[in-house]
Amino acid sequence: MQKVVLIGANGQLGSELAKIFFDHDLVPLTHADLDIADAKGIEKVLGQHSPDLILNTAAYHRVDECEDFPARAYEVNALAVRHLAQWSAAHQAALLHVSTDYVAIPRRCLATALYRPGPEVC
């Protein structure tokens, strides 16, 4: 039986995925269990569980907070995913990262006709 780590297990998508993977060796993780922006924490927690599959549904998605704290949003939504991918590759674990097509455009950029989403500042 595959061991599945579900990151973001208490979120909307995570709680639904937990229902689907009920017949697997499921390890549901919440932010209280793992801060995915902490590379050492990823190494420690995933190392304890040795998953075959990692499902990542965690994200920093509060748009106003993302605008106010862009560095934190980048840590959680980009760098953390890189850490998960690196851990997965090093330990032969599959990784499924779920993101959305929703793009938050900073308020200060709304007047820019050709805004391109990215880490740049308008």
N, C-alpha and C. Protein backbone atom coordinates (compact mmCIF):
# COMPACT_ATOMS: atom_id res chain seq x y z
N MET A 1 0.85 -1.19 0.00
CA MET A 1 0.00 0.00 0.00
C MET A 1 0.89 1.24 0.00
N GLN A 2 0.54 2.18 -0.85
CA GLN A 2 1.31 3.42 -0.94
C GLN A 2 1.06 4.30 0.27
N LYS A 3 2.15 4.93 0.75
CA LYS A 3 2.01 5.92 1.80
C LYS A 3 1.86 7.28 1.13
N VAL A 4 0.80 7.99 1.46
CA VAL A 4 0.48 9.28 0.86
C VAL A 4 0.50 10.35 1.95
N VAL A 5 1.31 11.39 1.73
CA VAL A 5 1.30 12.56 2.60
C VAL A 5 0.46 13.61 1.91
N LEU A 6 -0.53 14.12 2.63
CA LEU A 6 -1.42 15.15 2.12
C LEU A 6 -1.15 16.44 2.88
N ILE A 7 -0.53 17.40 2.20
CA ILE A 7 -0.19 18.69 2.81
C ILE A 7 -1.34 19.66 2.53
N GLY A 8 -1.79 20.32 3.57
CA GLY A 8 -2.96 21.19 3.45
C GLY A 8 -4.24 20.42 3.69
N ALA A 9 -4.16 19.41 4.54
CA ALA A 9 -5.27 18.46 4.73
C ALA A 9 -6.53 19.08 5.31
N ASN A 10 -6.40 20.22 5.98
CA ASN A 10 -7.60 20.83 6.57
C ASN A 10 -8.21 21.91 5.69
N GLY A 11 -7.67 22.12 4.51
CA GLY A 11 -8.23 23.09 3.59
C GLY A 11 -9.38 22.48 2.79
N GLN A 12 -9.98 23.29 1.95
CA GLN A 12 -11.13 22.85 1.17
C GLN A 12 -10.78 21.67 0.26
N LEU A 13 -9.74 21.82 -0.53
CA LEU A 13 -9.35 20.73 -1.43
C LEU A 13 -8.75 19.57 -0.66
N GLY A 14 -7.90 19.86 0.31
CA GLY A 14 -7.26 18.81 1.08
C GLY A 14 -8.24 17.91 1.80
N SER A 15 -9.27 18.49 2.37
CA SER A 15 -10.26 17.68 3.09
C SER A 15 -11.04 16.78 2.12
N GLU A 16 -11.24 17.24 0.89
CA GLU A 16 -11.92 16.40 -0.11
C GLU A 16 -11.00 15.28 -0.59
N LEU A 17 -9.73 15.59 -0.78
CA LEU A 17 -8.78 14.56 -1.20
C LEU A 17 -8.61 13.50 -0.13
N ALA A 18 -8.69 13.89 1.13
CA ALA A 18 -8.57 12.92 2.22
C ALA A 18 -9.67 11.86 2.11
N LYS A 19 -10.83 12.26 1.64
CA LYS A 19 -11.94 11.30 1.47
C LYS A 19 -11.62 10.31 0.35
N ILE A 20 -10.94 10.76 -0.68
CA ILE A 20 -10.62 9.91 -1.82
C ILE A 20 -9.52 8.92 -1.48
N PHE A 21 -8.55 9.36 -0.70
CA PHE A 21 -7.40 8.52 -0.38
C PHE A 21 -7.56 7.77 0.94
N PHE A 22 -8.79 7.55 1.37
CA PHE A 22 -9.05 6.91 2.65
C PHE A 22 -8.50 5.49 2.71
N ASP A 23 -8.40 4.81 1.58
CA ASP A 23 -7.94 3.42 1.58
C ASP A 23 -6.42 3.30 1.39
N HIS A 24 -5.72 4.41 1.44
CA HIS A 24 -4.26 4.42 1.39
C HIS A 24 -3.72 4.64 2.80
N ASP A 25 -2.44 4.45 2.95
CA ASP A 25 -1.77 4.81 4.20
C ASP A 25 -1.59 6.32 4.15
N LEU A 26 -2.62 7.04 4.60
CA LEU A 26 -2.68 8.50 4.47
C LEU A 26 -2.15 9.20 5.71
N VAL A 27 -1.27 10.18 5.48
CA VAL A 27 -0.75 11.03 6.54
C VAL A 27 -1.22 12.45 6.23
N PRO A 28 -2.31 12.91 6.87
CA PRO A 28 -2.79 14.27 6.63
C PRO A 28 -1.98 15.27 7.45
N LEU A 29 -1.46 16.29 6.79
CA LEU A 29 -0.67 17.32 7.47
C LEU A 29 -1.31 18.69 7.30
N THR A 30 -1.38 19.42 8.38
CA THR A 30 -1.87 20.80 8.36
C THR A 30 -0.69 21.73 8.60
N HIS A 31 -0.95 23.03 8.57
CA HIS A 31 0.11 24.00 8.82
C HIS A 31 0.71 23.81 10.20
N ALA A 32 -0.10 23.37 11.14
CA ALA A 32 0.41 23.10 12.50
C ALA A 32 1.44 21.97 12.50
N ASP A 33 1.32 21.05 11.54
CA ASP A 33 2.26 19.93 11.44
C ASP A 33 3.50 20.27 10.62
N LEU A 34 3.33 21.15 9.63
CA LEU A 34 4.42 21.45 8.71
C LEU A 34 4.22 22.83 8.10
N ASP A 35 5.22 23.69 8.30
CA ASP A 35 5.27 24.98 7.60
C ASP A 35 6.06 24.71 6.33
N ILE A 36 5.37 24.65 5.20
CA ILE A 36 6.06 24.25 3.97
C ILE A 36 7.10 25.25 3.50
N ALA A 37 7.12 26.44 4.05
CA ALA A 37 8.15 27.42 3.71
C ALA A 37 9.47 27.12 4.43
N ASP A 38 9.45 26.16 5.33
CA ASP A 38 10.62 25.79 6.12
C ASP A 38 11.27 24.55 5.50
N ALA A 39 12.35 24.74 4.75
CA ALA A 39 13.00 23.63 4.05
C ALA A 39 13.47 22.55 5.02
N LYS A 40 14.00 22.95 6.17
CA LYS A 40 14.45 21.96 7.15
C LYS A 40 13.26 21.21 7.73
N GLY A 41 12.15 21.90 7.90
CA GLY A 41 10.93 21.25 8.39
C GLY A 41 10.42 20.22 7.39
N ILE A 42 10.50 20.55 6.11
CA ILE A 42 10.10 19.61 5.06
C ILE A 42 10.95 18.35 5.16
N GLU A 43 12.26 18.55 5.25
CA GLU A 43 13.19 17.43 5.34
C GLU A 43 12.87 16.55 6.54
N LYS A 44 12.61 17.17 7.68
CA LYS A 44 12.35 16.42 8.91
C LYS A 44 11.02 15.66 8.84
N VAL A 45 9.95 16.38 8.52
CA VAL A 45 8.61 15.77 8.55
C VAL A 45 8.45 14.72 7.46
N LEU A 46 8.85 15.03 6.24
CA LEU A 46 8.72 14.04 5.18
C LEU A 46 9.65 12.86 5.42
N GLY A 47 10.82 13.13 5.99
CA GLY A 47 11.74 12.05 6.32
C GLY A 47 11.17 11.10 7.36
N GLN A 48 10.36 11.61 8.27
CA GLN A 48 9.72 10.77 9.28
C GLN A 48 8.69 9.84 8.66
N HIS A 49 8.05 10.28 7.60
CA HIS A 49 6.94 9.53 7.02
C HIS A 49 7.32 8.73 5.77
N SER A 50 8.40 9.11 5.09
CA SER A 50 8.86 8.43 3.88
C SER A 50 7.72 8.11 2.90
N PRO A 51 7.04 9.15 2.40
CA PRO A 51 5.90 8.90 1.51
C PRO A 51 6.32 8.43 0.12
N ASP A 52 5.41 7.70 -0.50
CA ASP A 52 5.55 7.34 -1.91
C ASP A 52 4.97 8.45 -2.78
N LEU A 53 3.98 9.15 -2.25
CA LEU A 53 3.27 10.21 -2.96
C LEU A 53 3.03 11.37 -2.02
N ILE A 54 3.32 12.57 -2.50
CA ILE A 54 3.04 13.80 -1.75
C ILE A 54 2.00 14.58 -2.53
N LEU A 55 0.89 14.89 -1.89
CA LEU A 55 -0.14 15.75 -2.48
C LEU A 55 -0.06 17.09 -1.78
N ASN A 56 0.30 18.13 -2.50
CA ASN A 56 0.41 19.46 -1.89
C ASN A 56 -0.75 20.34 -2.31
N THR A 57 -1.60 20.66 -1.36
CA THR A 57 -2.71 21.58 -1.63
C THR A 57 -2.55 22.87 -0.84
N ALA A 58 -1.43 23.01 -0.14
CA ALA A 58 -1.21 24.20 0.69
C ALA A 58 -0.85 25.40 -0.19
N ALA A 59 -1.31 26.56 0.22
CA ALA A 59 -1.00 27.79 -0.51
C ALA A 59 -1.27 28.99 0.38
N TYR A 60 -0.61 30.08 0.05
CA TYR A 60 -0.88 31.37 0.69
C TYR A 60 -1.80 32.09 -0.28
N HIS A 61 -3.08 32.14 0.02
CA HIS A 61 -4.06 32.55 -0.98
C HIS A 61 -4.90 33.77 -0.60
N ARG A 62 -4.66 34.36 0.52
CA ARG A 62 -5.41 35.57 0.87
C ARG A 62 -4.83 36.74 0.08
N VAL A 63 -5.55 37.18 -0.93
CA VAL A 63 -5.02 38.15 -1.89
C VAL A 63 -4.51 39.41 -1.22
N ASP A 64 -5.28 39.98 -0.31
CA ASP A 64 -4.84 41.21 0.35
C ASP A 64 -3.54 41.00 1.11
N GLU A 65 -3.42 39.87 1.79
CA GLU A 65 -2.18 39.57 2.53
C GLU A 65 -1.03 39.32 1.57
N CYS A 66 -1.30 38.68 0.45
CA CYS A 66 -0.25 38.46 -0.54
C CYS A 66 0.30 39.79 -1.05
N GLU A 67 -0.57 40.77 -1.21
CA GLU A 67 -0.13 42.09 -1.64
C GLU A 67 0.68 42.78 -0.55
N ASP A 68 0.25 42.62 0.70
CA ASP A 68 0.94 43.27 1.81
C ASP A 68 2.24 42.55 2.19
N PHE A 69 2.29 41.23 1.97
CA PHE A 69 3.45 40.42 2.35
C PHE A 69 3.90 39.56 1.16
N PRO A 70 4.37 40.21 0.08
CA PRO A 70 4.71 39.45 -1.12
C PRO A 70 5.85 38.46 -0.91
N ALA A 71 6.77 38.76 -0.02
CA ALA A 71 7.88 37.84 0.22
C ALA A 71 7.36 36.54 0.83
N ARG A 72 6.43 36.65 1.76
CA ARG A 72 5.86 35.45 2.38
C ARG A 72 5.05 34.65 1.35
N ALA A 73 4.29 35.33 0.51
CA ALA A 73 3.53 34.66 -0.53
C ALA A 73 4.47 33.90 -1.47
N TYR A 74 5.58 34.52 -1.82
CA TYR A 74 6.56 33.88 -2.70
C TYR A 74 7.19 32.66 -2.02
N GLU A 75 7.49 32.79 -0.74
CA GLU A 75 8.07 31.66 0.01
C GLU A 75 7.14 30.45 -0.02
N VAL A 76 5.86 30.69 0.27
CA VAL A 76 4.90 29.59 0.37
C VAL A 76 4.49 29.07 -1.00
N ASN A 77 4.23 29.95 -1.94
CA ASN A 77 3.66 29.55 -3.23
C ASN A 77 4.70 29.18 -4.29
N ALA A 78 5.96 29.50 -4.05
CA ALA A 78 6.99 29.19 -5.05
C ALA A 78 8.15 28.40 -4.44
N LEU A 79 8.84 29.02 -3.48
CA LEU A 79 10.02 28.36 -2.93
C LEU A 79 9.68 27.05 -2.22
N ALA A 80 8.59 27.03 -1.49
CA ALA A 80 8.20 25.81 -0.78
C ALA A 80 7.94 24.67 -1.76
N VAL A 81 7.34 24.99 -2.87
CA VAL A 81 7.05 23.97 -3.89
C VAL A 81 8.36 23.43 -4.46
N ARG A 82 9.33 24.31 -4.64
CA ARG A 82 10.64 23.87 -5.11
C ARG A 82 11.26 22.91 -4.09
N HIS A 83 11.17 23.25 -2.79
CA HIS A 83 11.71 22.37 -1.75
C HIS A 83 11.02 21.00 -1.77
N LEU A 84 9.71 21.01 -1.95
CA LEU A 84 8.97 19.74 -2.02
C LEU A 84 9.42 18.93 -3.24
N ALA A 85 9.61 19.60 -4.36
CA ALA A 85 10.05 18.91 -5.58
C ALA A 85 11.46 18.34 -5.41
N GLN A 86 12.32 19.10 -4.77
CA GLN A 86 13.68 18.62 -4.55
C GLN A 86 13.68 17.41 -3.61
N TRP A 87 12.88 17.48 -2.55
CA TRP A 87 12.80 16.35 -1.63
C TRP A 87 12.24 15.13 -2.36
N SER A 88 11.22 15.34 -3.13
CA SER A 88 10.60 14.24 -3.87
C SER A 88 11.59 13.58 -4.83
N ALA A 89 12.33 14.37 -5.56
CA ALA A 89 13.30 13.82 -6.50
C ALA A 89 14.40 13.05 -5.77
N ALA A 90 14.86 13.59 -4.66
CA ALA A 90 15.94 12.94 -3.91
C ALA A 90 15.50 11.64 -3.26
N HIS A 91 14.20 11.49 -3.00
CA HIS A 91 13.70 10.31 -2.28
C HIS A 91 12.76 9.45 -3.13
N GLN A 92 12.78 9.66 -4.44
CA GLN A 92 11.97 8.88 -5.38
C GLN A 92 10.49 8.84 -4.98
N ALA A 93 9.98 9.97 -4.55
CA ALA A 93 8.56 10.10 -4.21
C ALA A 93 7.88 10.92 -5.31
N ALA A 94 6.67 10.56 -5.64
CA ALA A 94 5.90 11.34 -6.61
C ALA A 94 5.33 12.57 -5.90
N LEU A 95 5.25 13.67 -6.63
CA LEU A 95 4.69 14.91 -6.08
C LEU A 95 3.59 15.40 -7.00
N LEU A 96 2.44 15.67 -6.40
CA LEU A 96 1.36 16.34 -7.12
C LEU A 96 1.11 17.65 -6.40
N HIS A 97 1.42 18.74 -7.08
CA HIS A 97 1.20 20.08 -6.52
C HIS A 97 -0.02 20.68 -7.21
N VAL A 98 -0.98 21.11 -6.44
CA VAL A 98 -2.20 21.69 -6.99
C VAL A 98 -2.15 23.19 -6.80
N SER A 99 -2.32 23.91 -7.90
CA SER A 99 -2.37 25.36 -7.86
C SER A 99 -3.66 25.79 -8.53
N THR A 100 -3.87 27.08 -8.65
CA THR A 100 -5.08 27.57 -9.29
C THR A 100 -4.69 28.46 -10.47
N ASP A 101 -5.68 28.79 -11.26
CA ASP A 101 -5.45 29.71 -12.36
C ASP A 101 -5.73 31.15 -11.94
N TYR A 102 -6.00 31.35 -10.66
CA TYR A 102 -6.31 32.68 -10.16
C TYR A 102 -5.02 33.47 -10.00
N VAL A 103 -4.94 34.61 -10.62
CA VAL A 103 -3.75 35.45 -10.53
C VAL A 103 -4.14 36.74 -9.82
N ALA A 104 -3.44 37.02 -8.74
CA ALA A 104 -3.71 38.26 -7.99
C ALA A 104 -2.87 39.38 -8.59
N ILE A 105 -3.53 40.38 -9.11
CA ILE A 105 -2.84 41.54 -9.67
C ILE A 105 -2.81 42.62 -8.59
N PRO A 106 -1.62 43.04 -8.19
CA PRO A 106 -1.54 44.09 -7.17
C PRO A 106 -2.34 45.33 -7.57
N ARG A 107 -2.99 45.95 -6.60
CA ARG A 107 -3.83 47.12 -6.87
C ARG A 107 -3.07 48.21 -7.61
N ARG A 108 -1.81 48.38 -7.27
CA ARG A 108 -1.03 49.45 -7.90
C ARG A 108 -0.77 49.17 -9.38
N CYS A 109 -1.04 47.94 -9.83
CA CYS A 109 -0.79 47.55 -11.23
C CYS A 109 -2.05 47.59 -12.09
N LEU A 110 -3.19 47.82 -11.48
CA LEU A 110 -4.44 47.74 -12.24
C LEU A 110 -4.50 48.73 -13.39
N ALA A 111 -3.84 49.86 -13.27
CA ALA A 111 -3.87 50.87 -14.32
C ALA A 111 -2.90 50.52 -15.46
N THR A 112 -2.05 49.53 -15.24
CA THR A 112 -1.09 49.13 -16.26
C THR A 112 -1.78 48.20 -17.25
N ALA A 113 -1.88 48.64 -18.49
CA ALA A 113 -2.62 47.88 -19.50
C ALA A 113 -1.97 46.54 -19.82
N LEU A 114 -0.67 46.46 -19.79
CA LEU A 114 0.03 45.25 -20.20
C LEU A 114 0.69 44.55 -19.00
N TYR A 115 0.00 44.47 -17.90
CA TYR A 115 0.55 43.81 -16.71
C TYR A 115 0.80 42.35 -16.99
N ARG A 116 1.99 41.89 -16.68
CA ARG A 116 2.33 40.47 -16.80
C ARG A 116 2.55 39.93 -15.39
N PRO A 117 1.83 38.87 -15.01
CA PRO A 117 2.03 38.29 -13.68
C PRO A 117 3.48 37.86 -13.50
N GLY A 118 4.01 38.12 -12.33
CA GLY A 118 5.38 37.74 -12.03
C GLY A 118 5.84 38.43 -10.76
N PRO A 119 7.06 38.17 -10.35
CA PRO A 119 7.54 38.73 -9.09
C PRO A 119 7.93 40.20 -9.19
N GLU A 120 7.92 40.76 -10.41
CA GLU A 120 8.29 42.16 -10.55
C GLU A 120 7.26 43.08 -9.91
N VAL A 121 7.70 44.25 -9.56
CA VAL A 121 6.83 45.24 -8.93
C VAL A 121 6.47 46.29 -9.96
N CYS A 122 5.18 46.63 -10.04
CA CYS A 122 4.74 47.66 -10.99
C CYS A 122 5.16 49.03 -10.56
